[in-house]
N, C-alpha and C. Protein backbone atom coordinates (compact mmCIF):
# COMPACT_ATOMS: atom_id res chain seq x y z
N UNK A 1 0.95 -1.01 0.20
CA UNK A 1 0.04 -0.27 0.09
C UNK A 1 0.80 1.46 0.12
N UNK A 2 0.62 1.85 -0.89
CA UNK A 2 1.28 3.46 -0.92
C UNK A 2 1.04 4.62 -0.10
N UNK A 3 1.50 5.21 0.58
CA UNK A 3 1.24 6.39 1.76
C UNK A 3 2.03 7.33 1.36
N UNK A 4 1.20 8.36 0.97
CA UNK A 4 1.82 9.84 0.18
C UNK A 4 1.79 10.66 1.43
N UNK A 5 2.88 11.27 1.41
CA UNK A 5 2.88 12.31 2.61
C UNK A 5 3.05 13.70 2.03
N UNK A 6 1.77 14.52 2.27
CA UNK A 6 2.03 15.65 1.54
C UNK A 6 3.17 16.44 2.72
N UNK A 7 4.08 16.76 2.09
CA UNK A 7 5.33 17.40 2.92
C UNK A 7 5.71 18.79 2.43
N UNK A 8 4.98 19.63 3.72
CA UNK A 8 5.45 21.45 2.86
C UNK A 8 6.26 21.85 3.92
N UNK A 9 6.97 21.37 4.97
CA UNK A 9 8.17 21.61 5.53
C UNK A 9 9.35 20.74 5.56
N UNK A 10 10.45 21.25 5.25
CA UNK A 10 11.77 20.08 5.24
C UNK A 10 11.88 19.78 6.55
N UNK A 11 11.94 20.21 7.97
CA UNK A 11 12.39 20.11 9.34
C UNK A 11 11.48 18.91 9.65
N UNK A 12 10.03 18.85 8.80
CA UNK A 12 9.31 17.39 9.34
C UNK A 12 9.52 16.46 8.14
N UNK A 13 10.45 16.30 7.49
CA UNK A 13 10.49 15.04 6.69
C UNK A 13 11.37 14.18 7.07
N UNK A 14 12.31 14.31 7.99
CA UNK A 14 13.36 13.34 8.37
C UNK A 14 12.89 12.43 9.28
N UNK A 15 11.20 12.36 9.55
CA UNK A 15 10.78 11.20 10.29
C UNK A 15 10.42 10.26 9.18
N UNK A 16 10.13 10.57 8.12
CA UNK A 16 9.61 9.45 7.12
C UNK A 16 10.85 9.06 6.17
N UNK A 17 11.79 9.67 6.18
CA UNK A 17 13.18 9.47 5.11
C UNK A 17 13.66 7.59 5.71
N UNK A 18 13.76 7.00 6.32
CA UNK A 18 14.43 6.34 6.77
C UNK A 18 13.51 5.09 6.94
N UNK A 19 11.94 5.33 6.54
CA UNK A 19 10.89 4.28 6.21
C UNK A 19 10.48 4.44 4.74
N UNK A 20 10.49 3.18 4.15
CA UNK A 20 10.39 3.17 2.98
C UNK A 20 8.67 3.14 2.68
N UNK A 21 8.25 2.56 3.69
CA UNK A 21 6.82 2.72 3.42
C UNK A 21 6.25 4.08 2.95
N UNK A 22 6.64 5.14 3.40
CA UNK A 22 6.07 6.14 2.89
C UNK A 22 6.72 6.99 1.96
N UNK A 23 6.03 7.69 1.33
CA UNK A 23 6.32 8.20 -0.09
C UNK A 23 5.99 9.58 -0.18
N UNK A 24 7.20 10.65 0.09
CA UNK A 24 7.01 11.86 0.23
C UNK A 24 6.21 12.55 -1.08
N UNK A 25 5.28 13.30 -0.95
CA UNK A 25 4.78 14.25 -1.86
C UNK A 25 5.24 15.42 -1.65
N UNK A 26 6.03 16.70 -2.59
CA UNK A 26 6.37 17.80 -1.75
C UNK A 26 5.60 18.63 -2.48
N UNK A 27 4.98 19.35 -1.60
CA UNK A 27 3.90 20.29 -1.62
C UNK A 27 4.07 21.51 -2.20
N UNK A 28 3.36 22.26 -2.38
CA UNK A 28 3.90 23.69 -2.57
C UNK A 28 3.42 24.20 -1.40
N UNK A 29 4.85 25.66 -1.31
CA UNK A 29 4.89 26.15 -0.18
C UNK A 29 4.05 27.73 -0.46
N UNK A 30 3.54 27.87 0.38
CA UNK A 30 2.61 28.99 0.49
C UNK A 30 3.48 30.12 -0.09
N UNK A 31 4.65 30.65 0.15
CA UNK A 31 5.35 31.80 -0.68
C UNK A 31 5.22 31.59 -1.66
N UNK A 32 5.07 30.34 -2.79
CA UNK A 32 4.63 30.12 -3.88
C UNK A 32 3.60 30.45 -4.66
N UNK A 33 2.80 30.33 -4.06
CA UNK A 33 1.17 30.60 -4.48
C UNK A 33 0.97 32.35 -4.45
N UNK A 34 0.52 32.12 -6.00
CA UNK A 34 -0.05 33.10 -6.65
C UNK A 34 -1.28 33.87 -6.22
N UNK A 35 -1.09 35.15 -6.31
CA UNK A 35 -2.85 35.90 -5.94
C UNK A 35 -3.48 35.29 -6.78
N UNK A 36 -3.44 34.57 -7.80
CA UNK A 36 -4.07 34.30 -9.19
C UNK A 36 -4.72 33.22 -8.72
N UNK A 37 -3.94 32.34 -8.15
CA UNK A 37 -4.24 30.93 -7.46
C UNK A 37 -5.19 30.96 -6.29
N UNK A 38 -4.94 32.46 -5.46
CA UNK A 38 -5.78 32.17 -4.03
C UNK A 38 -6.91 32.54 -4.62
N UNK A 39 -7.39 33.65 -5.68
CA UNK A 39 -8.46 34.25 -5.93
C UNK A 39 -9.44 33.28 -6.45
N UNK A 40 -9.07 31.88 -6.77
CA UNK A 40 -9.65 30.87 -7.02
C UNK A 40 -10.70 30.11 -5.52
N UNK A 41 -10.05 31.08 -4.69
CA UNK A 41 -10.73 30.14 -3.44
C UNK A 41 -11.48 30.91 -2.39
N UNK A 42 -12.52 30.81 -1.62
CA UNK A 42 -13.47 31.41 -1.04
C UNK A 42 -12.61 31.15 0.90
N UNK A 43 -13.15 32.24 1.17
CA UNK A 43 -12.43 32.04 2.43
C UNK A 43 -13.09 33.18 3.44
N UNK A 44 -13.41 32.85 5.00
CA UNK A 44 -13.84 33.91 5.51
C UNK A 44 -13.66 35.45 5.17
N UNK A 45 -14.59 36.10 5.78
CA UNK A 45 -14.27 37.38 5.66
C UNK A 45 -12.78 38.30 6.26
N UNK A 46 -12.91 37.64 7.61
CA UNK A 46 -11.47 38.12 8.49
C UNK A 46 -10.35 37.37 8.15
N UNK A 47 -10.04 36.28 7.02
CA UNK A 47 -8.92 35.55 7.32
C UNK A 47 -7.61 36.20 6.00
N UNK A 48 -6.85 36.47 6.89
CA UNK A 48 -5.49 36.84 6.95
C UNK A 48 -4.83 36.68 5.48
N UNK A 49 -3.98 37.61 4.95
CA UNK A 49 -3.71 36.94 3.47
C UNK A 49 -2.44 35.78 3.57
N UNK A 50 -1.76 35.76 4.76
CA UNK A 50 -1.03 34.88 4.94
C UNK A 50 -1.55 33.37 4.94
N UNK A 51 -2.76 33.30 5.75
CA UNK A 51 -3.28 32.23 5.73
C UNK A 51 -4.32 31.62 4.60
N UNK A 52 -4.78 32.99 3.95
CA UNK A 52 -5.29 32.33 2.77
C UNK A 52 -4.10 31.83 1.92
N UNK A 53 -3.11 32.15 1.66
CA UNK A 53 -1.94 31.35 0.81
C UNK A 53 -1.70 30.19 1.88
N UNK A 54 -1.58 29.81 2.84
CA UNK A 54 -1.04 28.60 3.46
C UNK A 54 -2.27 27.51 3.28
N UNK A 55 -3.76 28.06 3.16
CA UNK A 55 -4.80 26.87 2.69
C UNK A 55 -4.60 26.62 1.43
N UNK A 56 -4.40 27.47 0.70
CA UNK A 56 -4.28 27.55 -0.76
C UNK A 56 -3.23 26.33 -1.18
N UNK A 57 -2.20 26.63 -0.24
CA UNK A 57 -1.25 25.56 -0.60
C UNK A 57 -1.26 24.41 -0.53
N UNK A 58 -2.00 24.15 0.51
CA UNK A 58 -2.55 23.07 1.65
C UNK A 58 -3.29 22.04 0.48
N UNK A 59 -4.32 22.88 -0.15
CA UNK A 59 -5.55 22.44 -0.86
C UNK A 59 -5.06 21.86 -2.14
N UNK A 60 -4.17 22.88 -2.58
CA UNK A 60 -3.71 22.55 -4.22
C UNK A 60 -2.68 21.21 -4.30
N UNK A 61 -1.97 20.97 -3.30
CA UNK A 61 -0.95 19.85 -2.99
C UNK A 61 -1.63 18.80 -2.69
N UNK A 62 -2.60 18.57 -2.04
CA UNK A 62 -4.00 17.54 -2.07
C UNK A 62 -4.35 17.42 -3.55
N UNK A 63 -4.99 18.41 -4.58
CA UNK A 63 -5.38 18.30 -5.35
C UNK A 63 -4.51 17.32 -6.53
N UNK A 64 -2.91 18.10 -6.51
CA UNK A 64 -2.32 17.51 -7.47
C UNK A 64 -1.65 16.09 -6.69
N UNK A 65 -1.66 15.91 -5.83
CA UNK A 65 -1.65 14.37 -5.36
C UNK A 65 -2.59 13.40 -5.76
N UNK A 66 -3.83 13.92 -5.33
CA UNK A 66 -5.15 13.11 -6.18
C UNK A 66 -5.17 12.84 -7.82
N UNK A 67 -4.78 14.07 -8.32
CA UNK A 67 -4.38 14.13 -9.94
C UNK A 67 -3.48 12.64 -9.86
N UNK A 68 -2.42 12.56 -9.49
CA UNK A 68 -1.61 11.92 -9.92
C UNK A 68 -1.86 10.18 -9.75
N UNK A 69 -2.50 10.15 -8.34
CA UNK A 69 -3.07 8.80 -8.13
C UNK A 69 -3.85 8.71 -9.22
N UNK A 70 -5.24 9.36 -9.70
CA UNK A 70 -5.97 9.17 -11.01
C UNK A 70 -5.03 8.70 -12.13
N UNK A 71 -4.30 9.85 -12.22
CA UNK A 71 -3.37 9.59 -13.43
C UNK A 71 -2.94 8.21 -13.93
N UNK A 72 -2.42 8.02 -12.62
CA UNK A 72 -1.18 6.94 -12.97
C UNK A 72 -1.81 5.42 -12.03
N UNK A 73 -3.42 5.45 -12.38
CA UNK A 73 -3.98 4.48 -11.59
C UNK A 73 -3.74 3.40 -10.49
N UNK A 74 -3.36 4.37 -9.23
CA UNK A 74 -2.62 3.43 -8.38
C UNK A 74 -4.07 3.77 -7.50
N UNK A 75 -4.37 2.39 -6.93
CA UNK A 75 -4.94 1.65 -6.15
C UNK A 75 -4.43 1.42 -4.83
N UNK A 76 -5.77 1.32 -3.63
CA UNK A 76 -5.37 1.05 -2.30
C UNK A 76 -3.91 1.76 -1.87
N UNK A 77 -4.43 3.07 -1.71
CA UNK A 77 -3.38 3.91 -1.18
C UNK A 77 -3.87 5.37 0.28
N UNK A 78 -3.21 5.68 0.67
CA UNK A 78 -3.34 6.30 1.61
C UNK A 78 -2.62 7.98 1.39
N UNK A 79 -3.13 9.01 1.87
CA UNK A 79 -2.61 10.63 2.06
C UNK A 79 -2.75 10.91 3.49
N UNK A 80 -1.53 11.19 3.55
CA UNK A 80 -1.35 11.81 4.98
C UNK A 80 -0.86 12.82 5.07
N UNK A 81 -0.79 13.82 5.83
CA UNK A 81 -0.19 15.25 5.93
C UNK A 81 1.06 15.38 6.80
N UNK A 82 2.44 16.14 6.80
CA UNK A 82 3.42 15.74 7.44
C UNK A 82 3.62 15.97 8.68
N UNK A 83 2.61 16.37 9.94
CA UNK A 83 2.25 16.22 10.92
C UNK A 83 1.85 14.84 11.52
N UNK A 84 1.36 13.96 10.75
CA UNK A 84 0.78 12.69 10.79
C UNK A 84 1.75 11.63 10.90
N UNK A 85 1.34 10.17 11.56
CA UNK A 85 1.99 8.60 10.90
C UNK A 85 0.75 7.85 11.21
N UNK A 86 1.56 7.23 10.48
CA UNK A 86 0.46 5.70 10.45
C UNK A 86 0.82 4.48 11.33
N UNK A 87 -0.25 3.59 11.73
CA UNK A 87 -0.11 2.58 12.51
C UNK A 87 -0.17 1.25 11.34
N UNK A 88 0.96 1.16 10.73
CA UNK A 88 1.05 0.08 10.02
C UNK A 88 0.71 -1.27 10.27
N UNK A 89 -0.01 -1.43 11.51
CA UNK A 89 -0.27 -2.71 12.15
C UNK A 89 -1.52 -3.03 11.76
N UNK A 90 -2.24 -1.83 11.42
CA UNK A 90 -3.48 -2.00 11.70
C UNK A 90 -4.25 -1.74 10.32
N UNK A 91 -3.53 -1.83 9.11
CA UNK A 91 -3.45 -1.65 7.56
C UNK A 91 -4.56 -2.49 7.24
N UNK A 92 -4.59 -3.76 7.69
CA UNK A 92 -5.72 -4.94 7.19
C UNK A 92 -6.79 -4.59 7.18
N UNK A 93 -7.31 -3.62 8.48
CA UNK A 93 -8.47 -3.26 8.94
C UNK A 93 -9.23 -2.70 7.29
N UNK A 94 -8.33 -2.25 6.44
CA UNK A 94 -8.68 -1.45 5.41
C UNK A 94 -9.04 -2.58 3.99
N UNK A 95 -9.00 -3.59 4.41
CA UNK A 95 -8.97 -4.91 3.23
C UNK A 95 -10.10 -4.60 2.51
N UNK A 96 -11.36 -4.66 3.03
CA UNK A 96 -12.82 -5.27 2.50
C UNK A 96 -13.28 -3.43 2.47
N UNK A 97 -13.04 -2.23 2.50
CA UNK A 97 -13.45 -1.11 2.50
C UNK A 97 -13.51 -0.84 0.89
N UNK A 98 -14.67 -0.37 0.27
CA UNK A 98 -14.17 -0.56 -1.20
C UNK A 98 -14.84 1.24 -1.51
N UNK A 99 -14.89 2.01 -0.43
CA UNK A 99 -15.20 3.50 -0.83
C UNK A 99 -14.37 4.21 -0.09
N UNK A 100 -14.00 5.49 -0.05
CA UNK A 100 -13.29 6.42 0.15
C UNK A 100 -13.29 6.49 1.85
N UNK A 101 -12.44 6.38 2.89
CA UNK A 101 -12.66 6.20 3.92
C UNK A 101 -11.50 6.98 5.04
N UNK A 102 -12.06 8.08 5.91
CA UNK A 102 -11.24 8.36 6.73
C UNK A 102 -10.49 7.68 7.38
N UNK A 103 -9.02 7.76 7.69
CA UNK A 103 -8.40 6.80 8.78
C UNK A 103 -7.99 7.90 9.92
N UNK A 104 -8.63 8.99 9.86
CA UNK A 104 -7.97 9.91 11.00
C UNK A 104 -8.42 11.48 10.52
N UNK A 105 -8.59 12.02 11.78
CA UNK A 105 -9.71 13.72 11.58
C UNK A 105 -9.86 14.32 13.00
N UNK A 106 -10.80 14.95 12.84
CA UNK A 106 -11.12 15.60 13.80
C UNK A 106 -12.73 15.79 13.80
N UNK A 107 -13.33 15.48 14.94
CA UNK A 107 -14.79 15.69 15.37
C UNK A 107 -15.17 16.84 15.42
N UNK A 108 -16.14 17.26 14.31
CA UNK A 108 -16.59 18.75 14.68
C UNK A 108 -18.24 18.62 14.81
N UNK A 109 -19.17 19.76 15.12
CA UNK A 109 -20.56 19.50 14.91
C UNK A 109 -20.38 20.23 13.74
N UNK A 110 -21.83 19.39 12.99
CA UNK A 110 -22.18 19.64 11.55
C UNK A 110 -22.18 21.75 11.47
N UNK A 111 -22.26 22.35 12.76
CA UNK A 111 -22.43 23.85 12.45
C UNK A 111 -21.34 23.90 13.19
N UNK A 112 -20.36 24.61 13.17
CA UNK A 112 -19.10 25.42 13.97
C UNK A 112 -19.50 25.92 15.16
N UNK A 113 -20.37 26.93 14.87
CA UNK A 113 -21.34 27.67 15.90
C UNK A 113 -21.61 26.78 17.16
N UNK A 114 -21.50 25.28 17.13
CA UNK A 114 -21.75 24.64 17.94
C UNK A 114 -20.64 23.62 19.12
N UNK A 115 -19.75 24.11 18.25
CA UNK A 115 -18.49 23.51 18.94
C UNK A 115 -18.27 23.08 20.65
N UNK A 116 -18.37 24.51 21.17
CA UNK A 116 -18.42 24.68 22.87
C UNK A 116 -19.21 23.54 23.26
N UNK A 117 -20.26 23.07 23.15
CA UNK A 117 -20.95 22.56 23.68
C UNK A 117 -20.92 20.94 22.66
N UNK A 118 -20.35 21.33 22.01
CA UNK A 118 -20.12 19.41 20.99
C UNK A 118 -19.49 18.41 22.18
N UNK A 119 -20.05 17.44 22.11
CA UNK A 119 -19.65 16.23 22.94
C UNK A 119 -19.59 15.05 21.87
N UNK A 120 -18.41 14.46 21.44
CA UNK A 120 -17.93 13.59 20.32
C UNK A 120 -18.90 12.43 20.89
N UNK A 121 -19.46 11.61 19.84
CA UNK A 121 -19.58 10.41 20.23
C UNK A 121 -18.47 9.14 20.71
N UNK A 122 -19.19 8.53 21.41
CA UNK A 122 -18.29 7.16 21.39
C UNK A 122 -18.19 6.08 20.44
N UNK A 123 -17.47 5.14 20.07
CA UNK A 123 -17.28 4.25 18.73
C UNK A 123 -17.05 2.67 19.18
N UNK A 124 -17.18 1.51 18.97
CA UNK A 124 -16.54 0.52 18.96
C UNK A 124 -15.53 0.91 17.95
N UNK A 125 -14.15 -0.36 18.10
CA UNK A 125 -13.27 -0.40 16.93
C UNK A 125 -13.95 -0.91 15.60
N UNK A 126 -13.86 -0.26 14.89
CA UNK A 126 -14.35 -0.89 13.23
C UNK A 126 -14.65 0.00 12.42
N UNK A 127 -15.35 0.14 11.64
CA UNK A 127 -15.40 0.80 10.29
C UNK A 127 -17.02 1.30 11.00
N UNK A 128 -17.37 2.51 10.53
CA UNK A 128 -18.63 3.64 11.04
C UNK A 128 -18.89 4.11 10.20
N UNK A 129 -20.34 4.56 9.98
CA UNK A 129 -20.76 5.59 8.91
C UNK A 129 -20.69 6.64 9.72
N UNK A 130 -20.26 8.10 9.04
CA UNK A 130 -20.86 9.43 9.43
C UNK A 130 -22.20 9.71 9.73
N UNK A 131 -22.73 10.53 10.43
CA UNK A 131 -23.66 10.82 10.73
C UNK A 131 -23.78 12.05 10.92
N UNK A 132 -24.03 12.97 9.48
CA UNK A 132 -23.53 14.28 9.37
C UNK A 132 -24.95 15.19 10.34
N UNK A 133 -25.61 14.88 10.60
CA UNK A 133 -26.77 15.38 11.42
C UNK A 133 -26.01 15.45 12.65
N UNK A 134 -25.02 14.46 13.41
CA UNK A 134 -24.85 14.46 14.67
C UNK A 134 -22.96 14.75 14.21
N UNK A 135 -22.36 14.96 13.76
CA UNK A 135 -21.13 15.29 13.40
C UNK A 135 -20.32 15.07 12.17
N UNK A 136 -19.27 15.89 11.66
CA UNK A 136 -18.50 15.73 10.62
C UNK A 136 -17.31 15.44 10.98
N UNK A 137 -16.44 15.34 9.93
CA UNK A 137 -15.03 14.79 10.24
C UNK A 137 -14.09 16.16 9.19
N UNK A 138 -13.54 16.53 9.87
CA UNK A 138 -12.20 17.63 9.21
C UNK A 138 -10.77 17.49 9.09
N UNK A 139 -10.29 18.12 8.57
CA UNK A 139 -8.89 18.01 8.58
C UNK A 139 -8.63 16.64 7.52
N UNK A 140 -7.60 16.62 6.79
CA UNK A 140 -7.19 15.89 5.55
C UNK A 140 -5.90 15.03 5.96
N UNK A 141 -5.63 14.98 7.18
CA UNK A 141 -3.99 13.84 7.56
C UNK A 141 -4.62 12.67 7.70
N UNK A 142 -5.83 11.75 7.11
CA UNK A 142 -5.85 10.63 7.27
C UNK A 142 -6.95 10.49 6.07
N UNK A 143 -6.32 9.96 5.26
CA UNK A 143 -7.98 9.48 3.84
C UNK A 143 -7.36 8.26 3.13
N UNK A 144 -8.17 7.45 3.11
CA UNK A 144 -7.81 6.29 2.69
C UNK A 144 -8.44 6.09 1.41
N UNK A 145 -8.16 5.48 -0.11
CA UNK A 145 -8.36 5.59 -1.46
C UNK A 145 -7.95 4.11 -1.85
N UNK A 146 -9.58 3.26 -1.83
CA UNK A 146 -9.44 1.89 -2.21
C UNK A 146 -8.70 1.43 -3.44
N UNK A 147 -9.69 2.75 -4.59
CA UNK A 147 -8.94 2.45 -5.78
C UNK A 147 -9.12 3.93 -6.61
N UNK A 148 -8.64 4.13 -7.69
CA UNK A 148 -8.24 5.51 -8.41
C UNK A 148 -9.84 5.96 -8.70
N UNK A 149 -10.63 4.90 -9.39
CA UNK A 149 -11.77 5.49 -9.96
C UNK A 149 -12.53 6.36 -8.88
N UNK A 150 -12.37 6.56 -7.50
CA UNK A 150 -12.98 7.46 -6.83
C UNK A 150 -12.78 8.87 -6.99
N UNK A 151 -11.40 9.03 -7.38
CA UNK A 151 -10.75 9.86 -7.01
C UNK A 151 -11.22 11.43 -7.80
N UNK A 152 -11.78 11.38 -9.04
CA UNK A 152 -12.59 12.16 -9.73
C UNK A 152 -13.76 13.32 -8.53
N UNK A 153 -14.69 12.03 -7.96
CA UNK A 153 -15.71 12.71 -7.15
C UNK A 153 -15.14 13.54 -6.18
N UNK A 154 -14.00 12.78 -5.54
CA UNK A 154 -13.24 13.75 -3.99
C UNK A 154 -12.96 14.93 -4.83
N UNK A 155 -12.20 15.17 -6.15
CA UNK A 155 -11.97 16.32 -6.69
C UNK A 155 -12.45 17.52 -6.99
N UNK A 156 -13.88 16.82 -6.98
CA UNK A 156 -15.01 17.67 -7.68
C UNK A 156 -15.40 19.11 -6.64
N UNK A 157 -15.63 20.22 -7.21
CA UNK A 157 -15.78 21.18 -6.54
C UNK A 157 -17.15 21.71 -6.64
N UNK A 158 -17.59 21.87 -5.54
CA UNK A 158 -19.38 21.90 -5.74
C UNK A 158 -20.28 23.45 -5.71
N UNK A 159 -18.74 24.19 -5.58
CA UNK A 159 -19.47 26.10 -5.47
C UNK A 159 -18.06 26.77 -6.41
N UNK A 160 -18.83 28.09 -6.79
CA UNK A 160 -18.40 28.68 -7.63
C UNK A 160 -16.89 28.93 -7.15
N UNK A 161 -16.74 28.89 -6.34
CA UNK A 161 -15.43 29.02 -5.74
C UNK A 161 -14.66 27.85 -5.03
N UNK A 162 -13.48 27.84 -5.11
CA UNK A 162 -13.45 26.29 -4.32
C UNK A 162 -12.66 26.84 -2.65
N UNK A 163 -13.41 25.73 -2.08
CA UNK A 163 -12.54 25.89 -0.63
C UNK A 163 -12.03 24.86 0.05
N UNK A 164 -11.33 25.09 1.02
CA UNK A 164 -10.22 24.16 1.52
C UNK A 164 -10.50 23.25 1.59
N UNK A 165 -9.70 22.23 1.16
CA UNK A 165 -9.90 20.79 0.64
C UNK A 165 -10.66 19.66 1.73
N UNK A 166 -10.65 20.25 3.00
CA UNK A 166 -11.46 19.67 4.48
C UNK A 166 -12.45 20.35 4.04
N UNK A 167 -12.72 21.44 4.11
CA UNK A 167 -13.96 21.85 4.29
C UNK A 167 -15.03 21.34 2.91
N UNK A 168 -14.58 21.67 2.04
CA UNK A 168 -15.37 20.80 0.49
C UNK A 168 -15.44 19.12 0.96
N UNK A 169 -14.75 18.09 1.64
CA UNK A 169 -15.05 17.13 2.27
C UNK A 169 -16.01 17.18 3.16
N UNK A 170 -16.20 18.31 3.86
CA UNK A 170 -17.08 18.35 4.96
C UNK A 170 -18.38 18.25 4.25
N UNK A 171 -18.65 19.10 3.25
CA UNK A 171 -19.76 19.55 2.73
C UNK A 171 -19.95 17.96 1.92
N UNK A 172 -19.13 17.34 1.58
CA UNK A 172 -19.74 16.22 0.92
C UNK A 172 -19.97 14.97 1.62
N UNK A 173 -19.59 15.03 2.80
CA UNK A 173 -20.04 14.46 4.16
C UNK A 173 -21.41 14.69 4.01
N UNK A 174 -22.08 15.88 4.30
CA UNK A 174 -23.37 16.43 4.46
C UNK A 174 -24.08 15.83 3.57
N UNK A 175 -23.57 15.98 2.28
CA UNK A 175 -24.51 15.32 0.96
C UNK A 175 -24.48 13.36 1.23
N UNK A 176 -23.64 13.16 1.95
CA UNK A 176 -23.28 11.58 2.11
C UNK A 176 -23.29 10.75 0.97
N UNK A 177 -22.18 12.06 0.53
CA UNK A 177 -21.23 11.11 -0.89
C UNK A 177 -19.81 10.70 -0.12
N UNK A 178 -19.08 11.16 0.95
CA UNK A 178 -18.18 10.38 1.69
C UNK A 178 -18.76 10.15 3.26
N UNK A 179 -18.61 8.89 3.03
CA UNK A 179 -19.47 8.17 4.47
C UNK A 179 -18.74 7.61 5.58
N UNK A 180 -17.36 7.02 5.38
CA UNK A 180 -17.07 6.16 6.12
C UNK A 180 -15.72 6.50 7.02
N UNK A 181 -15.95 5.91 8.47
CA UNK A 181 -14.03 6.32 9.19
C UNK A 181 -13.60 4.88 9.56
N UNK A 182 -12.83 5.06 9.95
CA UNK A 182 -12.38 3.77 11.05
C UNK A 182 -11.65 4.61 11.92
N UNK A 183 -12.62 3.58 13.24
CA UNK A 183 -12.36 4.03 14.42
C UNK A 183 -11.55 2.77 15.34
N UNK A 184 -10.55 3.00 16.08
CA UNK A 184 -9.74 4.43 16.40
C UNK A 184 -9.23 4.69 15.22
N UNK A 185 -8.55 6.01 14.95
CA UNK A 185 -7.83 6.37 14.08
C UNK A 185 -6.46 5.53 13.49
N UNK A 186 -6.23 5.07 12.30
CA UNK A 186 -5.28 4.68 11.62
C UNK A 186 -3.85 5.57 11.71
N UNK A 187 -4.03 6.99 11.24
CA UNK A 187 -3.49 7.82 11.00
C UNK A 187 -3.59 9.02 11.98
N UNK A 188 -2.53 9.33 13.06
CA UNK A 188 -2.55 9.94 14.01
C UNK A 188 -1.89 11.21 14.05
N UNK A 189 -1.79 12.43 14.53
CA UNK A 189 -0.63 13.22 14.75
C UNK A 189 0.13 13.30 15.51
N UNK A 190 1.47 13.40 15.19
CA UNK A 190 2.63 13.52 15.89
C UNK A 190 2.62 15.61 16.48
N UNK A 191 2.07 15.13 17.50
CA UNK A 191 1.66 16.39 18.46
C UNK A 191 2.21 17.19 18.56
N UNK A 192 3.92 17.22 18.96
CA UNK A 192 5.08 18.23 18.78
C UNK A 192 4.89 19.00 17.78
N UNK A 193 4.70 18.39 16.36
CA UNK A 193 4.77 19.40 15.14
C UNK A 193 3.41 19.91 15.00
N UNK A 194 2.27 19.13 15.26
CA UNK A 194 1.11 19.46 14.93
C UNK A 194 0.39 20.74 15.44
N UNK A 195 0.71 21.03 16.84
CA UNK A 195 0.78 22.27 17.39
C UNK A 195 1.24 23.76 16.83
N UNK A 196 2.47 23.13 15.81
CA UNK A 196 2.79 24.39 15.66
C UNK A 196 2.22 24.63 13.85
N UNK A 197 1.57 23.65 13.64
CA UNK A 197 0.92 24.18 12.35
C UNK A 197 0.03 25.07 12.26
N UNK A 198 -0.64 25.38 10.88
CA UNK A 198 -1.50 26.97 10.83
C UNK A 198 -2.67 26.26 11.09
N UNK A 199 -3.47 25.25 10.85
CA UNK A 199 -4.42 24.61 11.32
C UNK A 199 -4.45 24.19 12.82
N UNK A 200 -3.65 23.59 13.40
CA UNK A 200 -3.71 22.95 14.61
C UNK A 200 -3.65 24.28 15.37
N UNK A 201 -2.51 25.31 15.43
CA UNK A 201 -2.62 25.78 16.34
C UNK A 201 -3.56 26.91 16.81
N UNK A 202 -4.38 26.90 16.10
CA UNK A 202 -5.65 27.36 16.76
C UNK A 202 -6.92 26.33 17.66
N UNK A 203 -6.46 25.20 17.84
CA UNK A 203 -6.78 24.28 18.49
C UNK A 203 -6.17 23.81 19.66
N UNK A 204 -6.86 23.47 20.98
CA UNK A 204 -5.88 23.34 22.02
C UNK A 204 -5.74 21.70 21.65
N UNK A 205 -4.65 21.47 20.89
CA UNK A 205 -4.87 19.71 20.99
C UNK A 205 -4.62 19.05 22.27
N UNK A 206 -5.34 18.27 22.84
CA UNK A 206 -4.52 17.52 24.27
C UNK A 206 -4.26 15.99 23.62
N UNK A 207 -4.05 15.71 22.53
CA UNK A 207 -4.03 14.47 22.41
C UNK A 207 -3.62 14.60 20.85
N UNK A 208 -3.47 13.18 19.97
CA UNK A 208 -2.77 12.82 18.89
C UNK A 208 -4.02 12.44 17.81
N UNK A 209 -5.38 12.52 18.41
CA UNK A 209 -6.63 12.65 17.92
C UNK A 209 -6.48 10.89 17.74
N UNK A 210 -6.20 9.88 18.22
CA UNK A 210 -6.51 8.94 18.00
C UNK A 210 -7.89 8.68 18.01
N UNK A 211 -8.76 9.36 18.41
CA UNK A 211 -10.07 9.06 19.24
C UNK A 211 -11.09 10.26 18.41
N UNK A 212 -10.19 10.64 17.04
CA UNK A 212 -10.71 11.75 16.44
C UNK A 212 -11.10 13.41 17.26
């Protein structure tokens, strides 16, 4: 199974280099993102210009990796980000899955305004269906792709302007197009690095999101 690591930061690469189970995918650096590319995306009204470029770089890197997977007909693969690690001993749990499946992420209420009072549901070990009336899964540090044929649907943008890749996936969950996740997570955060990231620095991460 190929595990692609979206790698944007050179200092985060070392932990993968001596493990040939990981394949480094060189990400776009936000400094190289043009204003024209940023203009393709929609952001919150108060989003800073630097953050816009970082979100755009992340999304464009994921889309480029997905395109590579599709163009090269790569089946049975995983995409993670460079602040995540894989529990390789559990990959057999993915054998019978034939749809896109989250293997890591963070649970949120369907409406972000409800985050303060949100209580994550509890689950038994195994494959579960996302209930978008109760929760959605955000962030893209653990994505399982059983067959390249599903990639075009994952890359589909359903709004006039693009949204961050994990936000687009959230909307696909709400439409029940992305439906499944493995519990507990197979892809978990390398917490020391994650807390420095542009997304996770906004959250008070207490653990590595093994339980989403």
